[in-house]
């Protein structure tokens, strides 16, 4: 059993289509999206339609929640995120917004090596990020409370793995707005066929220049185009 995990697509249809091609060349049994379909990128509608067509198991991310439920609309938009999320909310069709509203906060499943749980932030709140760099004792307590062999979270935009006892924590990074100082789309594949879960982190090349051009064409903040082209903030 091999599962591919994607996260933080952020409206980047160029990256998403490249990831689909990449995964078609790798034998995976399932694809799970750990939230944030929208936000930052210039193609939120096409990304939602793509995910709906593919039928990939998908959880709700923090940007998805803010757009779908108009969180933060009452306050003045000051940052890049607020500006783009407001634009995204106005751009999406009613059925696309409805799709975001119906996304579950996360999910769980049984694998050949034990239980797996995924969520964008915390198991109950997509905006409450788990700190995978916390002290060992704190991570041990978290692992015990979740009772899973593999825990997948997201939101940092940086691929990361950490083993705590018998539990493996994974952040697959970002498909559409990677921040690990290298342009491209992040993908994580977990293989459950051995004695232990085997995680491989991949960087998928795509036409990030076109993705950056789309940002400028829609008059979205230029800093987003710079991040897409460099893989780093600032």
C-alpha atoms as a PDB file:
ATOM      1  CA  UNK A   1       0.000   0.000   0.000  1.00  0.00           C
ATOM      2  CA  UNK A   2       1.423   3.354  -1.099  1.00  0.00           C
ATOM      3  CA  UNK A   3      -0.265   6.683  -0.409  1.00  0.00           C
ATOM      4  CA  UNK A   4       0.705  10.073  -1.867  1.00  0.00           C
ATOM      5  CA  UNK A   5       0.116  13.148   0.272  1.00  0.00           C
ATOM      6  CA  UNK A   6      -0.296  16.626  -1.187  1.00  0.00           C
ATOM      7  CA  UNK A   7      -0.952  19.879   0.631  1.00  0.00           C
ATOM      8  CA  UNK A   8      -1.070  23.638   0.254  1.00  0.00           C
ATOM      9  CA  UNK A   9      -1.930  23.704  -3.446  1.00  0.00           C
ATOM     10  CA  UNK A  10      -2.967  27.335  -3.052  1.00  0.00           C
ATOM     11  CA  UNK A  11      -4.629  27.872  -6.397  1.00  0.00           C
ATOM     12  CA  UNK A  12      -1.610  26.824  -8.473  1.00  0.00           C
ATOM     13  CA  UNK A  13      -3.066  24.746 -11.307  1.00  0.00           C
ATOM     14  CA  UNK A  14       0.303  24.509 -13.098  1.00  0.00           C
ATOM     15  CA  UNK A  15       1.873  22.760 -10.124  1.00  0.00           C
ATOM     16  CA  UNK A  16      -1.144  20.525  -9.552  1.00  0.00           C
ATOM     17  CA  UNK A  17      -1.291  19.205 -13.119  1.00  0.00           C
ATOM     18  CA  UNK A  18       2.449  18.486 -13.019  1.00  0.00           C
ATOM     19  CA  UNK A  19       1.979  16.529  -9.785  1.00  0.00           C
ATOM     20  CA  UNK A  20      -0.760  14.440 -11.385  1.00  0.00           C
ATOM     21  CA  UNK A  21       1.577  13.549 -14.247  1.00  0.00           C
ATOM     22  CA  UNK A  22       4.324  12.696 -11.761  1.00  0.00           C
ATOM     23  CA  UNK A  23       2.066  10.416  -9.734  1.00  0.00           C
ATOM     24  CA  UNK A  24       0.798   8.659 -12.857  1.00  0.00           C
ATOM     25  CA  UNK A  25       4.383   7.424 -13.308  1.00  0.00           C
ATOM     26  CA  UNK A  26       4.613   6.167  -9.712  1.00  0.00           C
ATOM     27  CA  UNK A  27       2.594   3.285  -8.373  1.00  0.00           C
ATOM     28  CA  UNK A  28       0.375   4.795  -5.663  1.00  0.00           C
ATOM     29  CA  UNK A  29      -2.858   3.312  -4.388  1.00  0.00           C
ATOM     30  CA  UNK A  30      -4.364   6.523  -3.077  1.00  0.00           C
ATOM     31  CA  UNK A  31      -3.882  10.289  -3.142  1.00  0.00           C
ATOM     32  CA  UNK A  32      -4.820  12.407  -0.132  1.00  0.00           C
ATOM     33  CA  UNK A  33      -4.883  16.220  -0.108  1.00  0.00           C
ATOM     34  CA  UNK A  34      -4.235  17.730   3.314  1.00  0.00           C
ATOM     35  CA  UNK A  35      -5.986  21.043   2.725  1.00  0.00           C
ATOM     36  CA  UNK A  36      -5.469  24.559   1.393  1.00  0.00           C
ATOM     37  CA  UNK A  37      -6.715  24.188  -2.154  1.00  0.00           C
ATOM     38  CA  UNK A  38      -7.029  27.968  -2.422  1.00  0.00           C
ATOM     39  CA  UNK A  39      -5.186  31.100  -1.357  1.00  0.00           C
ATOM     40  CA  UNK A  40      -2.237  32.928  -2.960  1.00  0.00           C
ATOM     41  CA  UNK A  41      -2.435  31.343  -6.435  1.00  0.00           C
ATOM     42  CA  UNK A  42      -4.344  32.739  -9.417  1.00  0.00           C
ATOM     43  CA  UNK A  43      -6.416  29.633 -10.290  1.00  0.00           C
ATOM     44  CA  UNK A  44      -8.517  28.693  -7.238  1.00  0.00           C
ATOM     45  CA  UNK A  45     -11.559  27.703  -9.296  1.00  0.00           C
ATOM     46  CA  UNK A  46      -9.687  25.383 -11.681  1.00  0.00           C
ATOM     47  CA  UNK A  47      -7.907  23.760  -8.723  1.00  0.00           C
ATOM     48  CA  UNK A  48     -11.203  23.014  -6.967  1.00  0.00           C
ATOM     49  CA  UNK A  49     -12.721  21.648 -10.177  1.00  0.00           C
ATOM     50  CA  UNK A  50      -9.623  19.493 -10.726  1.00  0.00           C
ATOM     51  CA  UNK A  51      -9.840  17.972  -7.230  1.00  0.00           C
ATOM     52  CA  UNK A  52     -13.570  17.338  -7.647  1.00  0.00           C
ATOM     53  CA  UNK A  53     -13.034  15.541 -10.962  1.00  0.00           C
ATOM     54  CA  UNK A  54     -10.224  13.394  -9.597  1.00  0.00           C
ATOM     55  CA  UNK A  55     -12.181  12.479  -6.487  1.00  0.00           C
ATOM     56  CA  UNK A  56      -9.087  12.628  -4.291  1.00  0.00           C
ATOM     57  CA  UNK A  57      -9.721  12.385  -0.558  1.00  0.00           C
ATOM     58  CA  UNK A  58      -9.365  15.943   0.721  1.00  0.00           C
ATOM     59  CA  UNK A  59      -9.373  17.761   4.051  1.00  0.00           C
ATOM     60  CA  UNK A  60     -10.028  21.417   4.827  1.00  0.00           C
ATOM     61  CA  UNK A  61      -7.136  23.837   5.195  1.00  0.00           C
ATOM     62  CA  UNK A  62      -6.983  27.160   6.989  1.00  0.00           C
ATOM     63  CA  UNK A  63      -7.224  29.184   3.759  1.00  0.00           C
ATOM     64  CA  UNK A  64     -10.130  27.013   2.602  1.00  0.00           C
ATOM     65  CA  UNK A  65     -11.972  27.751   5.851  1.00  0.00           C
ATOM     66  CA  UNK A  66     -11.309  31.494   5.701  1.00  0.00           C
ATOM     67  CA  UNK A  67     -12.608  31.694   2.141  1.00  0.00           C
ATOM     68  CA  UNK A  68     -15.562  29.327   2.551  1.00  0.00           C
ATOM     69  CA  UNK A  69     -16.892  30.846   5.762  1.00  0.00           C
ATOM     70  CA  UNK A  70     -15.753  34.425   5.109  1.00  0.00           C
ATOM     71  CA  UNK A  71     -13.610  34.418   8.231  1.00  0.00           C
ATOM     72  CA  UNK A  72     -11.868  37.740   8.721  1.00  0.00           C
ATOM     73  CA  UNK A  73     -14.116  39.567   6.242  1.00  0.00           C
ATOM     74  CA  UNK A  74     -15.214  42.038   8.883  1.00  0.00           C
ATOM     75  CA  UNK A  75     -11.723  43.441   9.409  1.00  0.00           C
ATOM     76  CA  UNK A  76      -9.726  45.627   7.069  1.00  0.00           C
ATOM     77  CA  UNK A  77      -7.434  43.660   4.791  1.00  0.00           C
ATOM     78  CA  UNK A  78      -3.864  44.527   5.580  1.00  0.00           C
ATOM     79  CA  UNK A  79      -1.689  41.606   4.527  1.00  0.00           C
ATOM     80  CA  UNK A  80      -0.982  39.679   1.356  1.00  0.00           C
ATOM     81  CA  UNK A  81      -2.994  36.715   2.603  1.00  0.00           C
ATOM     82  CA  UNK A  82      -6.083  38.831   3.364  1.00  0.00           C
ATOM     83  CA  UNK A  83      -5.909  40.520  -0.033  1.00  0.00           C
ATOM     84  CA  UNK A  84      -5.686  37.267  -1.964  1.00  0.00           C
ATOM     85  CA  UNK A  85      -8.297  35.435   0.109  1.00  0.00           C
ATOM     86  CA  UNK A  86     -10.739  38.291  -0.462  1.00  0.00           C
ATOM     87  CA  UNK A  87     -10.073  38.134  -4.205  1.00  0.00           C
ATOM     88  CA  UNK A  88     -10.463  34.345  -4.132  1.00  0.00           C
ATOM     89  CA  UNK A  89     -13.825  34.565  -2.362  1.00  0.00           C
ATOM     90  CA  UNK A  90     -15.127  36.919  -5.049  1.00  0.00           C
ATOM     91  CA  UNK A  91     -13.718  34.761  -7.859  1.00  0.00           C
ATOM     92  CA  UNK A  92     -15.184  31.381  -6.913  1.00  0.00           C
ATOM     93  CA  UNK A  93     -18.572  30.179  -8.126  1.00  0.00           C
ATOM     94  CA  UNK A  94     -21.230  29.265  -5.532  1.00  0.00           C
ATOM     95  CA  UNK A  95     -20.773  25.530  -6.138  1.00  0.00           C
ATOM     96  CA  UNK A  96     -17.013  25.860  -5.633  1.00  0.00           C
ATOM     97  CA  UNK A  97     -17.515  27.656  -2.331  1.00  0.00           C
ATOM     98  CA  UNK A  98     -19.988  24.973  -1.331  1.00  0.00           C
ATOM     99  CA  UNK A  99     -17.380  22.298  -2.056  1.00  0.00           C
ATOM    100  CA  UNK A 100     -14.944  24.017   0.313  1.00  0.00           C
ATOM    101  CA  UNK A 101     -17.590  24.312   3.035  1.00  0.00           C
ATOM    102  CA  UNK A 102     -18.285  20.589   2.913  1.00  0.00           C
ATOM    103  CA  UNK A 103     -14.663  19.482   3.267  1.00  0.00           C
ATOM    104  CA  UNK A 104     -13.952  17.563   6.491  1.00  0.00           C
ATOM    105  CA  UNK A 105     -11.369  18.935   8.918  1.00  0.00           C
ATOM    106  CA  UNK A 106      -9.328  15.768   8.432  1.00  0.00           C
ATOM    107  CA  UNK A 107      -9.567  12.016   8.228  1.00  0.00           C
ATOM    108  CA  UNK A 108      -8.251   8.717   9.474  1.00  0.00           C
ATOM    109  CA  UNK A 109      -7.746   5.293   7.998  1.00  0.00           C
ATOM    110  CA  UNK A 110      -6.319   1.875   8.754  1.00  0.00           C
ATOM    111  CA  UNK A 111      -3.105   0.846   6.989  1.00  0.00           C
ATOM    112  CA  UNK A 112      -1.237  -2.479   7.004  1.00  0.00           C
ATOM    113  CA  UNK A 113       1.070  -0.968   9.654  1.00  0.00           C
ATOM    114  CA  UNK A 114      -1.540   0.685  11.857  1.00  0.00           C
ATOM    115  CA  UNK A 115      -3.765   3.738  11.984  1.00  0.00           C
ATOM    116  CA  UNK A 116      -3.095   6.921  10.018  1.00  0.00           C
ATOM    117  CA  UNK A 117      -4.533  10.349  10.685  1.00  0.00           C
ATOM    118  CA  UNK A 118      -4.299  13.514   8.620  1.00  0.00           C
ATOM    119  CA  UNK A 119      -5.339  17.120   9.219  1.00  0.00           C
ATOM    120  CA  UNK A 120      -4.122  20.478   8.000  1.00  0.00           C
ATOM    121  CA  UNK A 121      -3.708  22.075  11.396  1.00  0.00           C
ATOM    122  CA  UNK A 122      -4.896  20.156  14.429  1.00  0.00           C
ATOM    123  CA  UNK A 123      -7.402  17.276  14.383  1.00  0.00           C
ATOM    124  CA  UNK A 124     -10.216  19.681  15.284  1.00  0.00           C
ATOM    125  CA  UNK A 125      -9.164  23.043  13.839  1.00  0.00           C
ATOM    126  CA  UNK A 126      -7.498  23.647  10.437  1.00  0.00           C
ATOM    127  CA  UNK A 127      -6.075  26.966  11.703  1.00  0.00           C
ATOM    128  CA  UNK A 128      -4.434  25.568  14.857  1.00  0.00           C
ATOM    129  CA  UNK A 129      -1.056  24.330  13.633  1.00  0.00           C
ATOM    130  CA  UNK A 130       0.724  21.466  15.379  1.00  0.00           C
ATOM    131  CA  UNK A 131       4.356  22.204  16.218  1.00  0.00           C
ATOM    132  CA  UNK A 132       6.379  19.264  14.924  1.00  0.00           C
ATOM    133  CA  UNK A 133       9.546  20.850  16.334  1.00  0.00           C
ATOM    134  CA  UNK A 134       8.244  20.727  19.905  1.00  0.00           C
ATOM    135  CA  UNK A 135      10.160  19.114  22.770  1.00  0.00           C
ATOM    136  CA  UNK A 136      10.397  15.311  22.701  1.00  0.00           C
ATOM    137  CA  UNK A 137       8.220  14.870  25.795  1.00  0.00           C
ATOM    138  CA  UNK A 138       5.493  17.065  24.283  1.00  0.00           C
ATOM    139  CA  UNK A 139       5.617  15.107  21.022  1.00  0.00           C
ATOM    140  CA  UNK A 140       5.431  11.810  22.907  1.00  0.00           C
ATOM    141  CA  UNK A 141       2.287  13.005  24.703  1.00  0.00           C
ATOM    142  CA  UNK A 142       0.774  14.098  21.383  1.00  0.00           C
ATOM    143  CA  UNK A 143       1.611  10.786  19.722  1.00  0.00           C
ATOM    144  CA  UNK A 144       0.057   8.875  22.594  1.00  0.00           C
ATOM    145  CA  UNK A 145      -3.134  10.958  22.490  1.00  0.00           C
ATOM    146  CA  UNK A 146      -3.547  10.453  18.736  1.00  0.00           C
ATOM    147  CA  UNK A 147      -2.771   6.742  18.873  1.00  0.00           C
ATOM    148  CA  UNK A 148      -1.626   6.541  15.254  1.00  0.00           C
ATOM    149  CA  UNK A 149       1.359   5.059  13.460  1.00  0.00           C
ATOM    150  CA  UNK A 150       1.483   7.950  10.971  1.00  0.00           C
ATOM    151  CA  UNK A 151       0.254  11.518  11.527  1.00  0.00           C
ATOM    152  CA  UNK A 152       0.175  13.888   8.544  1.00  0.00           C
ATOM    153  CA  UNK A 153      -0.204  17.644   9.064  1.00  0.00           C
ATOM    154  CA  UNK A 154       0.530  20.662   6.873  1.00  0.00           C
ATOM    155  CA  UNK A 155       0.716  24.425   6.699  1.00  0.00           C
ATOM    156  CA  UNK A 156       4.450  25.121   6.982  1.00  0.00           C
ATOM    157  CA  UNK A 157       5.066  24.763   3.221  1.00  0.00           C
ATOM    158  CA  UNK A 158       8.294  22.915   4.083  1.00  0.00           C
ATOM    159  CA  UNK A 159       8.590  19.101   3.783  1.00  0.00           C
ATOM    160  CA  UNK A 160       9.429  17.544   7.136  1.00  0.00           C
ATOM    161  CA  UNK A 161       9.413  14.175   8.889  1.00  0.00           C
ATOM    162  CA  UNK A 162      10.004  13.222  12.501  1.00  0.00           C
ATOM    163  CA  UNK A 163       9.822   9.876  14.282  1.00  0.00           C
ATOM    164  CA  UNK A 164       8.699   9.874  17.906  1.00  0.00           C
ATOM    165  CA  UNK A 165       8.587   6.398  19.395  1.00  0.00           C
ATOM    166  CA  UNK A 166       6.479   4.279  17.070  1.00  0.00           C
ATOM    167  CA  UNK A 167       4.787   7.311  15.481  1.00  0.00           C
ATOM    168  CA  UNK A 168       5.959   9.083  12.353  1.00  0.00           C
ATOM    169  CA  UNK A 169       4.925  12.715  11.859  1.00  0.00           C
ATOM    170  CA  UNK A 170       4.909  14.080   8.306  1.00  0.00           C
ATOM    171  CA  UNK A 171       4.411  17.476   6.707  1.00  0.00           C
ATOM    172  CA  UNK A 172       4.404  16.929   2.908  1.00  0.00           C
ATOM    173  CA  UNK A 173       5.271  20.551   2.162  1.00  0.00           C
ATOM    174  CA  UNK A 174       3.466  22.611  -0.465  1.00  0.00           C
ATOM    175  CA  UNK A 175       2.426  21.834  -4.018  1.00  0.00           C
ATOM    176  CA  UNK A 176       1.757  25.422  -5.029  1.00  0.00           C
ATOM    177  CA  UNK A 177       3.912  27.609  -2.781  1.00  0.00           C
ATOM    178  CA  UNK A 178       6.900  25.659  -1.521  1.00  0.00           C
ATOM    179  CA  UNK A 179       9.214  27.425   0.939  1.00  0.00           C
ATOM    180  CA  UNK A 180      12.191  25.055   1.080  1.00  0.00           C
ATOM    181  CA  UNK A 181      14.366  27.380  -1.041  1.00  0.00           C
ATOM    182  CA  UNK A 182      13.804  25.473  -4.270  1.00  0.00           C
ATOM    183  CA  UNK A 183      11.041  26.113  -6.816  1.00  0.00           C
ATOM    184  CA  UNK A 184       8.781  23.187  -7.595  1.00  0.00           C
ATOM    185  CA  UNK A 185       5.925  21.188  -6.101  1.00  0.00           C
ATOM    186  CA  UNK A 186       6.383  19.089  -2.964  1.00  0.00           C
ATOM    187  CA  UNK A 187       4.947  15.557  -2.816  1.00  0.00           C
ATOM    188  CA  UNK A 188       5.302  12.900  -0.116  1.00  0.00           C
ATOM    189  CA  UNK A 189       4.767   9.187  -0.746  1.00  0.00           C
ATOM    190  CA  UNK A 190       4.368   6.788   2.178  1.00  0.00           C
ATOM    191  CA  UNK A 191       4.983   3.077   1.559  1.00  0.00           C
ATOM    192  CA  UNK A 192       3.298   0.710   4.021  1.00  0.00           C
ATOM    193  CA  UNK A 193       4.537  -2.510   2.451  1.00  0.00           C
ATOM    194  CA  UNK A 194       7.520  -3.119   4.756  1.00  0.00           C
ATOM    195  CA  UNK A 195       7.985  -3.474   8.489  1.00  0.00           C
ATOM    196  CA  UNK A 196       8.024   0.306   8.967  1.00  0.00           C
ATOM    197  CA  UNK A 197       6.393   3.178   7.058  1.00  0.00           C
ATOM    198  CA  UNK A 198       8.851   4.411   4.421  1.00  0.00           C
ATOM    199  CA  UNK A 199       8.519   8.084   3.479  1.00  0.00           C
ATOM    200  CA  UNK A 200      10.005   9.604   0.343  1.00  0.00           C
ATOM    201  CA  UNK A 201       9.865  13.341  -0.289  1.00  0.00           C
ATOM    202  CA  UNK A 202       9.818  14.508  -3.905  1.00  0.00           C
ATOM    203  CA  UNK A 203      10.261  17.847  -5.648  1.00  0.00           C
ATOM    204  CA  UNK A 204       8.251  17.940  -8.882  1.00  0.00           C
ATOM    205  CA  UNK A 205       9.333  20.377 -11.570  1.00  0.00           C
ATOM    206  CA  UNK A 206       6.640  22.449 -13.271  1.00  0.00           C
ATOM    207  CA  UNK A 207       6.285  25.642 -15.289  1.00  0.00           C
ATOM    208  CA  UNK A 208       6.561  28.005 -12.319  1.00  0.00           C
ATOM    209  CA  UNK A 209       7.208  30.939 -14.650  1.00  0.00           C
ATOM    210  CA  UNK A 210       3.666  30.560 -16.020  1.00  0.00           C
ATOM    211  CA  UNK A 211       2.290  30.334 -12.488  1.00  0.00           C
ATOM    212  CA  UNK A 212       4.136  33.541 -11.579  1.00  0.00           C
ATOM    213  CA  UNK A 213       2.905  35.231 -14.766  1.00  0.00           C
ATOM    214  CA  UNK A 214      -0.701  34.411 -13.798  1.00  0.00           C
ATOM    215  CA  UNK A 215      -0.174  36.169 -10.460  1.00  0.00           C
ATOM    216  CA  UNK A 216       0.905  39.347 -12.219  1.00  0.00           C
ATOM    217  CA  UNK A 217      -1.832  39.077 -14.858  1.00  0.00           C
ATOM    218  CA  UNK A 218      -4.500  39.108 -12.125  1.00  0.00           C
ATOM    219  CA  UNK A 219      -2.802  42.016 -10.316  1.00  0.00           C
ATOM    220  CA  UNK A 220      -2.211  39.910  -7.228  1.00  0.00           C
ATOM    221  CA  UNK A 221       0.681  40.839  -4.873  1.00  0.00           C
ATOM    222  CA  UNK A 222       3.993  40.467  -6.777  1.00  0.00           C
ATOM    223  CA  UNK A 223       5.661  38.908  -3.731  1.00  0.00           C
ATOM    224  CA  UNK A 224       3.687  35.719  -4.425  1.00  0.00           C
ATOM    225  CA  UNK A 225       5.225  35.465  -7.892  1.00  0.00           C
ATOM    226  CA  UNK A 226       8.675  35.892  -6.341  1.00  0.00           C
ATOM    227  CA  UNK A 227       8.041  33.072  -3.855  1.00  0.00           C
ATOM    228  CA  UNK A 228       6.831  30.755  -6.616  1.00  0.00           C
ATOM    229  CA  UNK A 229       9.992  31.421  -8.656  1.00  0.00           C
ATOM    230  CA  UNK A 230      12.483  31.130  -5.781  1.00  0.00           C
ATOM    231  CA  UNK A 231      10.927  28.789  -3.238  1.00  0.00           C
ATOM    232  CA  UNK A 232      11.609  31.228  -0.424  1.00  0.00           C
ATOM    233  CA  UNK A 233      10.001  34.197   1.261  1.00  0.00           C
ATOM    234  CA  UNK A 234      12.005  37.397   0.892  1.00  0.00           C
END
